[in-house]
Structure formats: structure tokens, C-alpha cells
Amino acid sequence: MDINAAGGSNAGISDEKLAALPEYQRSPLYTAAERAALELADAMTATPVDVPDELYARLRTHYTEPQLVELAATGALENYRARLNRVFLIESNALYCPVAKG
């Protein structure tokens, strides 16, 4: 999973939570709703795309229909952007820098 860490950091997500993103399915830092949304993102980026009915049912317990539309649209846009960037070898602009803990 690619991590848009700069965007997440700007949205107020902690460095610890960003670091735990690859293990979101087991991390106690993520809520059940967040885990479901991240699972949707993973499912949407798979080839072929596969969003099982069971996942959609879990998403419906956390999100309204308009929220699901927004989640799916955002995921689709980010997937499009990431794939387009790869075609042209566009690299991250290094906007994200974890804050040193001291």
C-alpha cells in the first residue's frame, strides 16, 4: 500500500498512526470504521477490483450512502493519480517529514 503521508499528516494523523498503516488490520490505532475504509481502498486498487458483498455490508454499518460514495470516489481518484504518476515516473515531492520525538 502506498502511503500519502503528507496528506495524512496535514489532516492531523499522528506519525505513529501513519507508521502503523501497513498493519492497519491489526493495529489498535485504527477503529473498525477506519479498518473497513482502508480495506475498501485496498480492494479498489487490486487488479481486478474486487469489493466483496461482506466488505460492503461492514462499510454500511459505519458509513451512510453519501459517505460511501465519497470514500469510493476519493479512492478512485487517488488510484488514478498514483497510476498516472507511475506512467511518467513522477516521484513523491517529499512533503512529509516525521517529527522527531525527543
Protein backbone atom coordinates (compact mmCIF):
# COMPACT_ATOMS: atom_id res chain seq x y z
CA MET A 1 0.00 0.00 0.00
CA ASP A 2 1.33 3.41 -0.93
CA ILE A 3 1.04 5.94 1.84
CA ASN A 4 0.06 9.52 1.11
CA ALA A 5 1.78 10.54 4.31
CA ALA A 6 1.90 14.25 3.54
CA GLY A 7 -1.87 14.37 3.10
CA GLY A 8 -2.45 12.27 6.19
CA SER A 9 -0.12 14.40 8.26
CA ASN A 10 -1.85 17.57 7.05
CA ALA A 11 -5.17 16.03 8.10
CA GLY A 12 -3.87 15.57 11.64
CA ILE A 13 -2.97 11.88 11.60
CA SER A 14 -0.14 11.15 14.01
CA ASP A 15 3.24 9.87 12.89
CA GLU A 16 2.58 6.70 14.92
CA LYS A 17 -0.69 6.05 13.13
CA LEU A 18 0.91 6.68 9.72
CA ALA A 19 3.74 4.30 10.62
CA ALA A 20 1.17 1.64 11.59
CA LEU A 21 -0.72 1.96 8.30
CA PRO A 22 0.83 -1.12 6.65
CA GLU A 23 -0.52 -3.14 9.61
CA TYR A 24 -3.88 -1.34 9.85
CA GLN A 25 -5.80 -4.62 10.00
CA ARG A 26 -4.19 -5.48 13.34
CA SER A 27 -3.22 -2.09 14.74
CA PRO A 28 -5.15 -0.87 17.79
CA LEU A 29 -4.58 2.67 16.50
CA TYR A 30 -7.31 2.18 13.88
CA THR A 31 -11.03 1.94 14.57
CA ALA A 32 -13.26 -0.68 12.96
CA ALA A 33 -14.64 2.03 10.65
CA GLU A 34 -11.14 3.09 9.59
CA ARG A 35 -10.12 -0.52 9.02
CA ALA A 36 -13.15 -1.07 6.78
CA ALA A 37 -12.42 2.10 4.78
CA LEU A 38 -8.78 1.07 4.34
CA GLU A 39 -9.86 -2.40 3.29
CA LEU A 40 -12.07 -0.74 0.67
CA ALA A 41 -9.05 1.23 -0.57
CA ASP A 42 -7.04 -1.99 -0.83
CA ALA A 43 -9.88 -3.77 -2.66
CA MET A 44 -10.27 -0.86 -5.08
CA THR A 45 -6.59 -0.89 -6.02
CA ALA A 46 -6.46 -4.64 -6.68
CA THR A 47 -6.46 -5.89 -10.25
CA PRO A 48 -9.15 -6.85 -10.93
CA VAL A 49 -11.09 -4.71 -8.48
CA ASP A 50 -12.96 -6.88 -6.00
CA VAL A 51 -15.19 -5.35 -3.34
CA PRO A 52 -16.92 -8.33 -1.72
CA ASP A 53 -20.51 -8.03 -0.53
CA GLU A 54 -19.31 -8.81 3.01
CA LEU A 55 -16.99 -5.79 2.97
CA TYR A 56 -19.74 -3.55 1.60
CA ALA A 57 -22.07 -4.78 4.37
CA ARG A 58 -19.44 -3.90 7.01
CA LEU A 59 -18.92 -0.49 5.44
CA ARG A 60 -22.68 0.14 5.63
CA THR A 61 -22.55 -0.33 9.42
CA HIS A 62 -20.12 2.61 9.70
CA TYR A 63 -20.94 4.93 6.82
CA THR A 64 -24.01 6.42 5.15
CA GLU A 65 -24.60 6.02 1.43
CA PRO A 66 -23.29 9.56 0.66
CA GLN A 67 -20.20 8.85 2.78
CA LEU A 68 -19.61 5.59 0.89
CA VAL A 69 -19.87 7.45 -2.41
CA GLU A 70 -17.29 9.95 -1.17
CA LEU A 71 -14.97 7.18 0.08
CA ALA A 72 -15.19 5.32 -3.23
CA ALA A 73 -14.74 8.49 -5.29
CA THR A 74 -11.71 9.55 -3.25
CA GLY A 75 -10.21 6.07 -3.51
CA ALA A 76 -10.78 6.00 -7.26
CA LEU A 77 -9.23 9.45 -7.72
CA GLU A 78 -6.16 8.56 -5.64
CA ASN A 79 -5.76 5.27 -7.51
CA TYR A 80 -5.98 7.13 -10.83
CA ARG A 81 -3.45 9.72 -9.68
CA ALA A 82 -1.00 7.11 -8.38
CA ARG A 83 -1.17 5.06 -11.58
CA LEU A 84 -0.76 8.14 -13.77
CA ASN A 85 2.27 9.22 -11.73
CA ARG A 86 3.86 5.80 -12.23
CA VAL A 87 3.49 6.02 -16.02
CA PHE A 88 5.52 9.22 -16.03
CA LEU A 89 7.84 8.20 -13.16
CA ILE A 90 6.64 11.11 -11.04
CA GLU A 91 8.11 10.71 -7.58
CA SER A 92 6.86 11.94 -4.24
CA ASN A 93 7.69 15.56 -3.62
CA ALA A 94 8.78 14.68 -0.06
CA LEU A 95 6.24 16.92 1.66
CA TYR A 96 6.00 14.52 4.61
CA CYS A 97 8.67 14.57 7.27
CA PRO A 98 8.02 12.80 10.59
CA VAL A 99 8.53 14.93 13.64
CA ALA A 100 11.49 13.74 15.69
CA LYS A 101 10.46 12.52 19.13
CA GLY A 102 12.75 13.71 21.79
